[in-house]
């Protein structure tokens, strides 16, 4: 749901666990993902 809200609202999802959300990008959804820890 978190990724869906970010995609629908054209928002950047900021997380410390980008690996968890990377699979959303990998299947083709336009998720803008950022890491609050500063590394990917």
C-alpha atoms as a PDB file:
ATOM      1  CA  UNK A   1       0.000   0.000   0.000  1.00  0.00           C
ATOM      2  CA  UNK A   2       2.831   2.400   0.756  1.00  0.00           C
ATOM      3  CA  UNK A   3       4.299   2.066  -2.737  1.00  0.00           C
ATOM      4  CA  UNK A   4       0.842   2.300  -4.317  1.00  0.00           C
ATOM      5  CA  UNK A   5       0.101   5.563  -2.547  1.00  0.00           C
ATOM      6  CA  UNK A   6       3.463   6.990  -3.626  1.00  0.00           C
ATOM      7  CA  UNK A   7       2.891   5.954  -7.256  1.00  0.00           C
ATOM      8  CA  UNK A   8      -0.697   7.250  -7.348  1.00  0.00           C
ATOM      9  CA  UNK A   9       0.304  10.568  -5.788  1.00  0.00           C
ATOM     10  CA  UNK A  10       3.433  10.950  -7.941  1.00  0.00           C
ATOM     11  CA  UNK A  11       5.488  11.101  -4.728  1.00  0.00           C
ATOM     12  CA  UNK A  12       8.985   9.976  -3.827  1.00  0.00           C
ATOM     13  CA  UNK A  13       9.020   7.067  -1.404  1.00  0.00           C
ATOM     14  CA  UNK A  14      11.829   7.521   1.114  1.00  0.00           C
ATOM     15  CA  UNK A  15      12.876   4.392   3.008  1.00  0.00           C
ATOM     16  CA  UNK A  16      15.812   2.930   4.850  1.00  0.00           C
ATOM     17  CA  UNK A  17      15.044  -0.424   3.212  1.00  0.00           C
ATOM     18  CA  UNK A  18      15.110   0.279  -0.515  1.00  0.00           C
ATOM     19  CA  UNK A  19      15.634  -3.404  -1.328  1.00  0.00           C
ATOM     20  CA  UNK A  20      12.105  -4.068  -0.083  1.00  0.00           C
ATOM     21  CA  UNK A  21      10.610  -1.593  -2.574  1.00  0.00           C
ATOM     22  CA  UNK A  22      13.024  -2.196  -5.462  1.00  0.00           C
ATOM     23  CA  UNK A  23      10.950  -5.151  -6.657  1.00  0.00           C
ATOM     24  CA  UNK A  24       8.076  -2.726  -7.394  1.00  0.00           C
ATOM     25  CA  UNK A  25      10.376  -0.882  -9.812  1.00  0.00           C
ATOM     26  CA  UNK A  26      11.692  -4.169 -11.208  1.00  0.00           C
ATOM     27  CA  UNK A  27       8.219  -5.278 -12.335  1.00  0.00           C
ATOM     28  CA  UNK A  28       7.694  -2.002 -14.183  1.00  0.00           C
ATOM     29  CA  UNK A  29       5.919   0.456 -11.911  1.00  0.00           C
ATOM     30  CA  UNK A  30       7.165   4.065 -11.983  1.00  0.00           C
ATOM     31  CA  UNK A  31       8.123   4.317  -8.309  1.00  0.00           C
ATOM     32  CA  UNK A  32      10.505   7.140  -7.415  1.00  0.00           C
ATOM     33  CA  UNK A  33      12.565   5.637  -4.582  1.00  0.00           C
ATOM     34  CA  UNK A  34      14.999   7.356  -2.249  1.00  0.00           C
ATOM     35  CA  UNK A  35      17.081   6.139   0.667  1.00  0.00           C
ATOM     36  CA  UNK A  36      17.063   8.235   3.834  1.00  0.00           C
ATOM     37  CA  UNK A  37      20.318   6.591   4.894  1.00  0.00           C
ATOM     38  CA  UNK A  38      22.076   8.173   1.921  1.00  0.00           C
ATOM     39  CA  UNK A  39      23.243   4.940   0.266  1.00  0.00           C
ATOM     40  CA  UNK A  40      21.503   2.582  -2.133  1.00  0.00           C
END
